[in-house]
Amino acid sequence: QEMAKSRSIKQVRRLTINGKKLTALSARALAESDKMPN
């Protein structure tokens, strides 16, 4: 949720977050983030 707000990820094209037991909360944070248009 914090990462999804960061301006540092605006150039990211490939994102990998494996094996962290992330729930729908993480999916929602990524889905609502406007920091990764590419």
ModelCIF file with pLDDT and N, C-alpha, C, O atoms, coordinates in Angstrom:
data_MODEL
#
_entry.id   MODEL 
#
_entity.id                         1 
_entity.type                       polymer 
_entity.pdbx_number_of_molecules   1 
#
_entity_poly.entity_id                      1 
_entity_poly.type                           'polypeptide(L)' 
_entity_poly.nstd_linkage                   no 
_entity_poly.nstd_monomer                   no 
_entity_poly.pdbx_seq_one_letter_code       QEMAKSRSIKQVRRLTINGKKLTALSARALAESDKMPN 
_entity_poly.pdbx_seq_one_letter_code_can   QEMAKSRSIKQVRRLTINGKKLTALSARALAESDKMPN 
_entity_poly.pdbx_strand_id                 A 
#
loop_
_entity_poly_seq.entity_id 
_entity_poly_seq.num 
_entity_poly_seq.mon_id 
_entity_poly_seq.hetero 
1 1  GLN n 
1 2  GLU n 
1 3  MET n 
1 4  ALA n 
1 5  LYS n 
1 6  SER n 
1 7  ARG n 
1 8  SER n 
1 9  ILE n 
1 10 LYS n 
1 11 GLN n 
1 12 VAL n 
1 13 ARG n 
1 14 ARG n 
1 15 LEU n 
1 16 THR n 
1 17 ILE n 
1 18 ASN n 
1 19 GLY n 
1 20 LYS n 
1 21 LYS n 
1 22 LEU n 
1 23 THR n 
1 24 ALA n 
1 25 LEU n 
1 26 SER n 
1 27 ALA n 
1 28 ARG n 
1 29 ALA n 
1 30 LEU n 
1 31 ALA n 
1 32 GLU n 
1 33 SER n 
1 34 ASP n 
1 35 LYS n 
1 36 MET n 
1 37 PRO n 
1 38 ASN n 
#
_struct_asym.id          A 
_struct_asym.entity_id   1 
#
loop_
_ma_qa_metric.id 
_ma_qa_metric.mode 
_ma_qa_metric.name 
_ma_qa_metric.software_group_id 
_ma_qa_metric.type 
1 global pLDDT . pLDDT 
2 local  pLDDT . pLDDT 
#
_ma_qa_metric_global.metric_id      1 
_ma_qa_metric_global.metric_value   94.95 
_ma_qa_metric_global.model_id       1 
_ma_qa_metric_global.ordinal_id     1 
#
loop_
_ma_qa_metric_local.label_asym_id 
_ma_qa_metric_local.label_comp_id 
_ma_qa_metric_local.label_seq_id 
_ma_qa_metric_local.metric_id 
_ma_qa_metric_local.metric_value 
_ma_qa_metric_local.model_id 
_ma_qa_metric_local.ordinal_id 
A GLN 1  2 94.00 1 1  
A GLU 2  2 93.00 1 2  
A MET 3  2 93.00 1 3  
A ALA 4  2 95.00 1 4  
A LYS 5  2 94.00 1 5  
A SER 6  2 93.00 1 6  
A ARG 7  2 91.00 1 7  
A SER 8  2 91.00 1 8  
A ILE 9  2 93.00 1 9  
A LYS 10 2 92.00 1 10 
A GLN 11 2 92.00 1 11 
A VAL 12 2 95.00 1 12 
A ARG 13 2 96.00 1 13 
A ARG 14 2 96.00 1 14 
A LEU 15 2 96.00 1 15 
A THR 16 2 95.00 1 16 
A ILE 17 2 95.00 1 17 
A ASN 18 2 94.00 1 18 
A GLY 19 2 93.00 1 19 
A LYS 20 2 91.00 1 20 
A LYS 21 2 93.00 1 21 
A LEU 22 2 96.00 1 22 
A THR 23 2 97.00 1 23 
A ALA 24 2 98.00 1 24 
A LEU 25 2 97.00 1 25 
A SER 26 2 97.00 1 26 
A ALA 27 2 98.00 1 27 
A ARG 28 2 98.00 1 28 
A ALA 29 2 97.00 1 29 
A LEU 30 2 98.00 1 30 
A ALA 31 2 98.00 1 31 
A GLU 32 2 97.00 1 32 
A SER 33 2 97.00 1 33 
A ASP 34 2 96.00 1 34 
A LYS 35 2 95.00 1 35 
A MET 36 2 95.00 1 36 
A PRO 37 2 94.00 1 37 
A ASN 38 2 95.00 1 38 
#
loop_
_atom_site.group_PDB 
_atom_site.id 
_atom_site.type_symbol 
_atom_site.label_atom_id 
_atom_site.label_alt_id 
_atom_site.label_comp_id 
_atom_site.label_asym_id 
_atom_site.label_entity_id 
_atom_site.label_seq_id 
_atom_site.pdbx_PDB_ins_code 
_atom_site.Cartn_x 
_atom_site.Cartn_y 
_atom_site.Cartn_z 
_atom_site.occupancy 
_atom_site.B_iso_or_equiv 
_atom_site.pdbx_formal_charge 
_atom_site.auth_seq_id 
_atom_site.auth_comp_id 
_atom_site.auth_asym_id 
_atom_site.auth_atom_id 
_atom_site.pdbx_PDB_model_num 
ATOM 1   N N  . GLN A 1 1  ? 0.830  -1.204  0.000   1.00 94.00 ? 1  GLN A N  1 
ATOM 2   C CA . GLN A 1 1  ? 0.000  0.000   0.000   1.00 94.00 ? 1  GLN A CA 1 
ATOM 3   C C  . GLN A 1 1  ? 0.867  1.258   0.000   1.00 94.00 ? 1  GLN A C  1 
ATOM 4   O O  . GLN A 1 1  ? 0.542  2.241   -0.666  1.00 94.00 ? 1  GLN A O  1 
ATOM 5   N N  . GLU A 1 2  ? 1.962  1.224   0.742   1.00 93.00 ? 2  GLU A N  1 
ATOM 6   C CA . GLU A 1 2  ? 2.871  2.363   0.757   1.00 93.00 ? 2  GLU A CA 1 
ATOM 7   C C  . GLU A 1 2  ? 3.626  2.483   -0.568  1.00 93.00 ? 2  GLU A C  1 
ATOM 8   O O  . GLU A 1 2  ? 3.771  3.578   -1.112  1.00 93.00 ? 2  GLU A O  1 
ATOM 9   N N  . MET A 1 3  ? 4.101  1.357   -1.077  1.00 93.00 ? 3  MET A N  1 
ATOM 10  C CA . MET A 1 3  ? 4.843  1.365   -2.331  1.00 93.00 ? 3  MET A CA 1 
ATOM 11  C C  . MET A 1 3  ? 3.996  1.925   -3.477  1.00 93.00 ? 3  MET A C  1 
ATOM 12  O O  . MET A 1 3  ? 4.503  2.655   -4.328  1.00 93.00 ? 3  MET A O  1 
ATOM 13  N N  . ALA A 1 4  ? 2.704  1.579   -3.495  1.00 95.00 ? 4  ALA A N  1 
ATOM 14  C CA . ALA A 1 4  ? 1.812  1.993   -4.572  1.00 95.00 ? 4  ALA A CA 1 
ATOM 15  C C  . ALA A 1 4  ? 1.632  3.508   -4.639  1.00 95.00 ? 4  ALA A C  1 
ATOM 16  O O  . ALA A 1 4  ? 1.132  4.037   -5.632  1.00 95.00 ? 4  ALA A O  1 
ATOM 17  N N  . LYS A 1 5  ? 2.045  4.208   -3.571  1.00 94.00 ? 5  LYS A N  1 
ATOM 18  C CA . LYS A 1 5  ? 1.916  5.669   -3.533  1.00 94.00 ? 5  LYS A CA 1 
ATOM 19  C C  . LYS A 1 5  ? 3.215  6.371   -3.932  1.00 94.00 ? 5  LYS A C  1 
ATOM 20  O O  . LYS A 1 5  ? 3.236  7.589   -4.105  1.00 94.00 ? 5  LYS A O  1 
ATOM 21  N N  . SER A 1 6  ? 4.285  5.612   -4.074  1.00 93.00 ? 6  SER A N  1 
ATOM 22  C CA . SER A 1 6  ? 5.609  6.196   -4.292  1.00 93.00 ? 6  SER A CA 1 
ATOM 23  C C  . SER A 1 6  ? 5.815  6.685   -5.722  1.00 93.00 ? 6  SER A C  1 
ATOM 24  O O  . SER A 1 6  ? 5.428  6.020   -6.683  1.00 93.00 ? 6  SER A O  1 
ATOM 25  N N  . ARG A 1 7  ? 6.425  7.850   -5.843  1.00 91.00 ? 7  ARG A N  1 
ATOM 26  C CA . ARG A 1 7  ? 6.755  8.378   -7.165  1.00 91.00 ? 7  ARG A CA 1 
ATOM 27  C C  . ARG A 1 7  ? 7.946  7.652   -7.781  1.00 91.00 ? 7  ARG A C  1 
ATOM 28  O O  . ARG A 1 7  ? 8.203  7.777   -8.979  1.00 91.00 ? 7  ARG A O  1 
ATOM 29  N N  . SER A 1 8  ? 8.659  6.907   -6.975  1.00 91.00 ? 8  SER A N  1 
ATOM 30  C CA . SER A 1 8  ? 9.868  6.222   -7.454  1.00 91.00 ? 8  SER A CA 1 
ATOM 31  C C  . SER A 1 8  ? 9.561  5.071   -8.411  1.00 91.00 ? 8  SER A C  1 
ATOM 32  O O  . SER A 1 8  ? 10.467 4.551   -9.062  1.00 91.00 ? 8  SER A O  1 
ATOM 33  N N  . ILE A 1 9  ? 8.301  4.673   -8.501  1.00 93.00 ? 9  ILE A N  1 
ATOM 34  C CA . ILE A 1 9  ? 7.969  3.511   -9.330  1.00 93.00 ? 9  ILE A CA 1 
ATOM 35  C C  . ILE A 1 9  ? 7.344  3.914   -10.665 1.00 93.00 ? 9  ILE A C  1 
ATOM 36  O O  . ILE A 1 9  ? 6.826  3.060   -11.385 1.00 93.00 ? 9  ILE A O  1 
ATOM 37  N N  . LYS A 1 10 ? 7.384  5.187   -10.999 1.00 92.00 ? 10 LYS A N  1 
ATOM 38  C CA . LYS A 1 10 ? 6.676  5.650   -12.194 1.00 92.00 ? 10 LYS A CA 1 
ATOM 39  C C  . LYS A 1 10 ? 7.242  5.079   -13.492 1.00 92.00 ? 10 LYS A C  1 
ATOM 40  O O  . LYS A 1 10 ? 6.532  4.998   -14.494 1.00 92.00 ? 10 LYS A O  1 
ATOM 41  N N  . GLN A 1 11 ? 8.539  4.677   -13.481 1.00 92.00 ? 11 GLN A N  1 
ATOM 42  C CA . GLN A 1 11 ? 9.140  4.120   -14.694 1.00 92.00 ? 11 GLN A CA 1 
ATOM 43  C C  . GLN A 1 11 ? 9.069  2.601   -14.756 1.00 92.00 ? 11 GLN A C  1 
ATOM 44  O O  . GLN A 1 11 ? 9.544  2.008   -15.725 1.00 92.00 ? 11 GLN A O  1 
ATOM 45  N N  . VAL A 1 12 ? 8.489  1.958   -13.749 1.00 95.00 ? 12 VAL A N  1 
ATOM 46  C CA . VAL A 1 12 ? 8.467  0.499   -13.672 1.00 95.00 ? 12 VAL A CA 1 
ATOM 47  C C  . VAL A 1 12 ? 7.615  -0.120  -14.784 1.00 95.00 ? 12 VAL A C  1 
ATOM 48  O O  . VAL A 1 12 ? 6.482  0.296   -15.027 1.00 95.00 ? 12 VAL A O  1 
ATOM 49  N N  . ARG A 1 13 ? 8.193  -1.125  -15.450 1.00 96.00 ? 13 ARG A N  1 
ATOM 50  C CA . ARG A 1 13 ? 7.477  -1.891  -16.477 1.00 96.00 ? 13 ARG A CA 1 
ATOM 51  C C  . ARG A 1 13 ? 7.210  -3.325  -16.023 1.00 96.00 ? 13 ARG A C  1 
ATOM 52  O O  . ARG A 1 13 ? 6.261  -3.966  -16.476 1.00 96.00 ? 13 ARG A O  1 
ATOM 53  N N  . ARG A 1 14 ? 8.063  -3.819  -15.118 1.00 96.00 ? 14 ARG A N  1 
ATOM 54  C CA . ARG A 1 14 ? 7.928  -5.202  -14.645 1.00 96.00 ? 14 ARG A CA 1 
ATOM 55  C C  . ARG A 1 14 ? 7.990  -5.221  -13.124 1.00 96.00 ? 14 ARG A C  1 
ATOM 56  O O  . ARG A 1 14 ? 8.972  -4.768  -12.535 1.00 96.00 ? 14 ARG A O  1 
ATOM 57  N N  . LEU A 1 15 ? 6.945  -5.744  -12.487 1.00 96.00 ? 15 LEU A N  1 
ATOM 58  C CA . LEU A 1 15 ? 6.864  -5.781  -11.027 1.00 96.00 ? 15 LEU A CA 1 
ATOM 59  C C  . LEU A 1 15 ? 6.668  -7.218  -10.550 1.00 96.00 ? 15 LEU A C  1 
ATOM 60  O O  . LEU A 1 15 ? 5.756  -7.909  -11.003 1.00 96.00 ? 15 LEU A O  1 
ATOM 61  N N  . THR A 1 16 ? 7.526  -7.664  -9.634  1.00 95.00 ? 16 THR A N  1 
ATOM 62  C CA . THR A 1 16 ? 7.458  -9.015  -9.079  1.00 95.00 ? 16 THR A CA 1 
ATOM 63  C C  . THR A 1 16 ? 7.407  -8.957  -7.553  1.00 95.00 ? 16 THR A C  1 
ATOM 64  O O  . THR A 1 16 ? 8.300  -8.404  -6.910  1.00 95.00 ? 16 THR A O  1 
ATOM 65  N N  . ILE A 1 17 ? 6.342  -9.539  -6.983  1.00 95.00 ? 17 ILE A N  1 
ATOM 66  C CA . ILE A 1 17 ? 6.232  -9.670  -5.519  1.00 95.00 ? 17 ILE A CA 1 
ATOM 67  C C  . ILE A 1 17 ? 5.729  -11.090 -5.248  1.00 95.00 ? 17 ILE A C  1 
ATOM 68  O O  . ILE A 1 17 ? 4.521  -11.326 -5.227  1.00 95.00 ? 17 ILE A O  1 
ATOM 69  N N  . ASN A 1 18 ? 6.633  -12.015 -5.044  1.00 94.00 ? 18 ASN A N  1 
ATOM 70  C CA . ASN A 1 18 ? 6.277  -13.422 -4.889  1.00 94.00 ? 18 ASN A CA 1 
ATOM 71  C C  . ASN A 1 18 ? 6.340  -13.881 -3.431  1.00 94.00 ? 18 ASN A C  1 
ATOM 72  O O  . ASN A 1 18 ? 7.176  -13.421 -2.654  1.00 94.00 ? 18 ASN A O  1 
ATOM 73  N N  . GLY A 1 19 ? 5.438  -14.797 -3.080  1.00 93.00 ? 19 GLY A N  1 
ATOM 74  C CA . GLY A 1 19 ? 5.527  -15.518 -1.816  1.00 93.00 ? 19 GLY A CA 1 
ATOM 75  C C  . GLY A 1 19 ? 5.449  -14.674 -0.568  1.00 93.00 ? 19 GLY A C  1 
ATOM 76  O O  . GLY A 1 19 ? 6.136  -14.972 0.410   1.00 93.00 ? 19 GLY A O  1 
ATOM 77  N N  . LYS A 1 20 ? 4.642  -13.635 -0.561  1.00 91.00 ? 20 LYS A N  1 
ATOM 78  C CA . LYS A 1 20 ? 4.546  -12.761 0.612   1.00 91.00 ? 20 LYS A CA 1 
ATOM 79  C C  . LYS A 1 20 ? 3.199  -12.869 1.327   1.00 91.00 ? 20 LYS A C  1 
ATOM 80  O O  . LYS A 1 20 ? 2.918  -12.104 2.249   1.00 91.00 ? 20 LYS A O  1 
ATOM 81  N N  . LYS A 1 21 ? 2.376  -13.813 0.902   1.00 93.00 ? 21 LYS A N  1 
ATOM 82  C CA . LYS A 1 21 ? 1.042  -13.999 1.485   1.00 93.00 ? 21 LYS A CA 1 
ATOM 83  C C  . LYS A 1 21 ? 0.184  -12.740 1.369   1.00 93.00 ? 21 LYS A C  1 
ATOM 84  O O  . LYS A 1 21 ? -0.635 -12.441 2.237   1.00 93.00 ? 21 LYS A O  1 
ATOM 85  N N  . LEU A 1 22 ? 0.394  -12.025 0.289   1.00 96.00 ? 22 LEU A N  1 
ATOM 86  C CA . LEU A 1 22 ? -0.381 -10.812 0.050   1.00 96.00 ? 22 LEU A CA 1 
ATOM 87  C C  . LEU A 1 22 ? -1.839 -11.162 -0.180  1.00 96.00 ? 22 LEU A C  1 
ATOM 88  O O  . LEU A 1 22 ? -2.145 -12.196 -0.775  1.00 96.00 ? 22 LEU A O  1 
ATOM 89  N N  . THR A 1 23 ? -2.729 -10.317 0.282   1.00 97.00 ? 23 THR A N  1 
ATOM 90  C CA . THR A 1 23 ? -4.166 -10.554 0.154   1.00 97.00 ? 23 THR A CA 1 
ATOM 91  C C  . THR A 1 23 ? -4.764 -9.597  -0.876  1.00 97.00 ? 23 THR A C  1 
ATOM 92  O O  . THR A 1 23 ? -4.045 -8.908  -1.599  1.00 97.00 ? 23 THR A O  1 
ATOM 93  N N  . ALA A 1 24 ? -6.083 -9.571  -0.924  1.00 98.00 ? 24 ALA A N  1 
ATOM 94  C CA . ALA A 1 24 ? -6.793 -8.688  -1.847  1.00 98.00 ? 24 ALA A CA 1 
ATOM 95  C C  . ALA A 1 24 ? -6.486 -7.218  -1.578  1.00 98.00 ? 24 ALA A C  1 
ATOM 96  O O  . ALA A 1 24 ? -6.648 -6.378  -2.463  1.00 98.00 ? 24 ALA A O  1 
ATOM 97  N N  . LEU A 1 25 ? -6.042 -6.902  -0.357  1.00 97.00 ? 25 LEU A N  1 
ATOM 98  C CA . LEU A 1 25 ? -5.685 -5.517  -0.031  1.00 97.00 ? 25 LEU A CA 1 
ATOM 99  C C  . LEU A 1 25 ? -4.539 -5.029  -0.909  1.00 97.00 ? 25 LEU A C  1 
ATOM 100 O O  . LEU A 1 25 ? -4.543 -3.886  -1.368  1.00 97.00 ? 25 LEU A O  1 
ATOM 101 N N  . SER A 1 26 ? -3.567 -5.890  -1.138  1.00 97.00 ? 26 SER A N  1 
ATOM 102 C CA . SER A 1 26 ? -2.443 -5.522  -1.998  1.00 97.00 ? 26 SER A CA 1 
ATOM 103 C C  . SER A 1 26 ? -2.892 -5.369  -3.439  1.00 97.00 ? 26 SER A C  1 
ATOM 104 O O  . SER A 1 26 ? -2.491 -4.433  -4.132  1.00 97.00 ? 26 SER A O  1 
ATOM 105 N N  . ALA A 1 27 ? -3.729 -6.299  -3.885  1.00 98.00 ? 27 ALA A N  1 
ATOM 106 C CA . ALA A 1 27 ? -4.235 -6.213  -5.253  1.00 98.00 ? 27 ALA A CA 1 
ATOM 107 C C  . ALA A 1 27 ? -5.000 -4.909  -5.457  1.00 98.00 ? 27 ALA A C  1 
ATOM 108 O O  . ALA A 1 27 ? -4.891 -4.272  -6.505  1.00 98.00 ? 27 ALA A O  1 
ATOM 109 N N  . ARG A 1 28 ? -5.765 -4.524  -4.460  1.00 98.00 ? 28 ARG A N  1 
ATOM 110 C CA . ARG A 1 28 ? -6.535 -3.275  -4.550  1.00 98.00 ? 28 ARG A CA 1 
ATOM 111 C C  . ARG A 1 28 ? -5.609 -2.065  -4.605  1.00 98.00 ? 28 ARG A C  1 
ATOM 112 O O  . ARG A 1 28 ? -5.840 -1.136  -5.378  1.00 98.00 ? 28 ARG A O  1 
ATOM 113 N N  . ALA A 1 29 ? -4.559 -2.078  -3.780  1.00 97.00 ? 29 ALA A N  1 
ATOM 114 C CA . ALA A 1 29 ? -3.610 -0.959  -3.766  1.00 97.00 ? 29 ALA A CA 1 
ATOM 115 C C  . ALA A 1 29 ? -2.932 -0.802  -5.118  1.00 97.00 ? 29 ALA A C  1 
ATOM 116 O O  . ALA A 1 29 ? -2.760 0.317   -5.603  1.00 97.00 ? 29 ALA A O  1 
ATOM 117 N N  . LEU A 1 30 ? -2.547 -1.917  -5.728  1.00 98.00 ? 30 LEU A N  1 
ATOM 118 C CA . LEU A 1 30 ? -1.917 -1.870  -7.050  1.00 98.00 ? 30 LEU A CA 1 
ATOM 119 C C  . LEU A 1 30 ? -2.910 -1.413  -8.117  1.00 98.00 ? 30 LEU A C  1 
ATOM 120 O O  . LEU A 1 30 ? -2.580 -0.621  -8.999  1.00 98.00 ? 30 LEU A O  1 
ATOM 121 N N  . ALA A 1 31 ? -4.133 -1.932  -8.014  1.00 98.00 ? 31 ALA A N  1 
ATOM 122 C CA . ALA A 1 31 ? -5.158 -1.610  -9.009  1.00 98.00 ? 31 ALA A CA 1 
ATOM 123 C C  . ALA A 1 31 ? -5.544 -0.137  -8.991  1.00 98.00 ? 31 ALA A C  1 
ATOM 124 O O  . ALA A 1 31 ? -5.930 0.423   -10.017 1.00 98.00 ? 31 ALA A O  1 
ATOM 125 N N  . GLU A 1 32 ? -5.439 0.489   -7.821  1.00 97.00 ? 32 GLU A N  1 
ATOM 126 C CA . GLU A 1 32 ? -5.843 1.893   -7.681  1.00 97.00 ? 32 GLU A CA 1 
ATOM 127 C C  . GLU A 1 32 ? -4.680 2.857   -7.845  1.00 97.00 ? 32 GLU A C  1 
ATOM 128 O O  . GLU A 1 32 ? -4.888 4.069   -7.906  1.00 97.00 ? 32 GLU A O  1 
ATOM 129 N N  . SER A 1 33 ? -3.466 2.344   -7.917  1.00 97.00 ? 33 SER A N  1 
ATOM 130 C CA . SER A 1 33 ? -2.292 3.208   -8.041  1.00 97.00 ? 33 SER A CA 1 
ATOM 131 C C  . SER A 1 33 ? -2.191 3.811   -9.437  1.00 97.00 ? 33 SER A C  1 
ATOM 132 O O  . SER A 1 33 ? -2.393 3.124   -10.439 1.00 97.00 ? 33 SER A O  1 
ATOM 133 N N  . ASP A 1 34 ? -1.878 5.099   -9.489  1.00 96.00 ? 34 ASP A N  1 
ATOM 134 C CA . ASP A 1 34 ? -1.661 5.757   -10.774 1.00 96.00 ? 34 ASP A CA 1 
ATOM 135 C C  . ASP A 1 34 ? -0.179 6.024   -11.008 1.00 96.00 ? 34 ASP A C  1 
ATOM 136 O O  . ASP A 1 34 ? 0.193  6.858   -11.834 1.00 96.00 ? 34 ASP A O  1 
ATOM 137 N N  . LYS A 1 35 ? 0.668  5.296   -10.262 1.00 95.00 ? 35 LYS A N  1 
ATOM 138 C CA . LYS A 1 35 ? 2.110  5.517   -10.334 1.00 95.00 ? 35 LYS A CA 1 
ATOM 139 C C  . LYS A 1 35 ? 2.820  4.588   -11.321 1.00 95.00 ? 35 LYS A C  1 
ATOM 140 O O  . LYS A 1 35 ? 4.023  4.738   -11.539 1.00 95.00 ? 35 LYS A O  1 
ATOM 141 N N  . MET A 1 36 ? 2.108  3.639   -11.919 1.00 95.00 ? 36 MET A N  1 
ATOM 142 C CA . MET A 1 36 ? 2.758  2.690   -12.833 1.00 95.00 ? 36 MET A CA 1 
ATOM 143 C C  . MET A 1 36 ? 2.013  2.614   -14.173 1.00 95.00 ? 36 MET A C  1 
ATOM 144 O O  . MET A 1 36 ? 1.532  1.542   -14.541 1.00 95.00 ? 36 MET A O  1 
ATOM 145 N N  . PRO A 1 37 ? 1.913  3.706   -14.892 1.00 94.00 ? 37 PRO A N  1 
ATOM 146 C CA . PRO A 1 37 ? 1.156  3.708   -16.155 1.00 94.00 ? 37 PRO A CA 1 
ATOM 147 C C  . PRO A 1 37 ? 1.798  2.869   -17.251 1.00 94.00 ? 37 PRO A C  1 
ATOM 148 O O  . PRO A 1 37 ? 1.138  2.497   -18.221 1.00 94.00 ? 37 PRO A O  1 
ATOM 149 N N  . ASN A 1 38 ? 3.095  2.570   -17.097 1.00 95.00 ? 38 ASN A N  1 
ATOM 150 C CA . ASN A 1 38 ? 3.811  1.812   -18.128 1.00 95.00 ? 38 ASN A CA 1 
ATOM 151 C C  . ASN A 1 38 ? 3.975  0.332   -17.794 1.00 95.00 ? 38 ASN A C  1 
ATOM 152 O O  . ASN A 1 38 ? 4.558  -0.416  -18.579 1.00 95.00 ? 38 ASN A O  1 
#
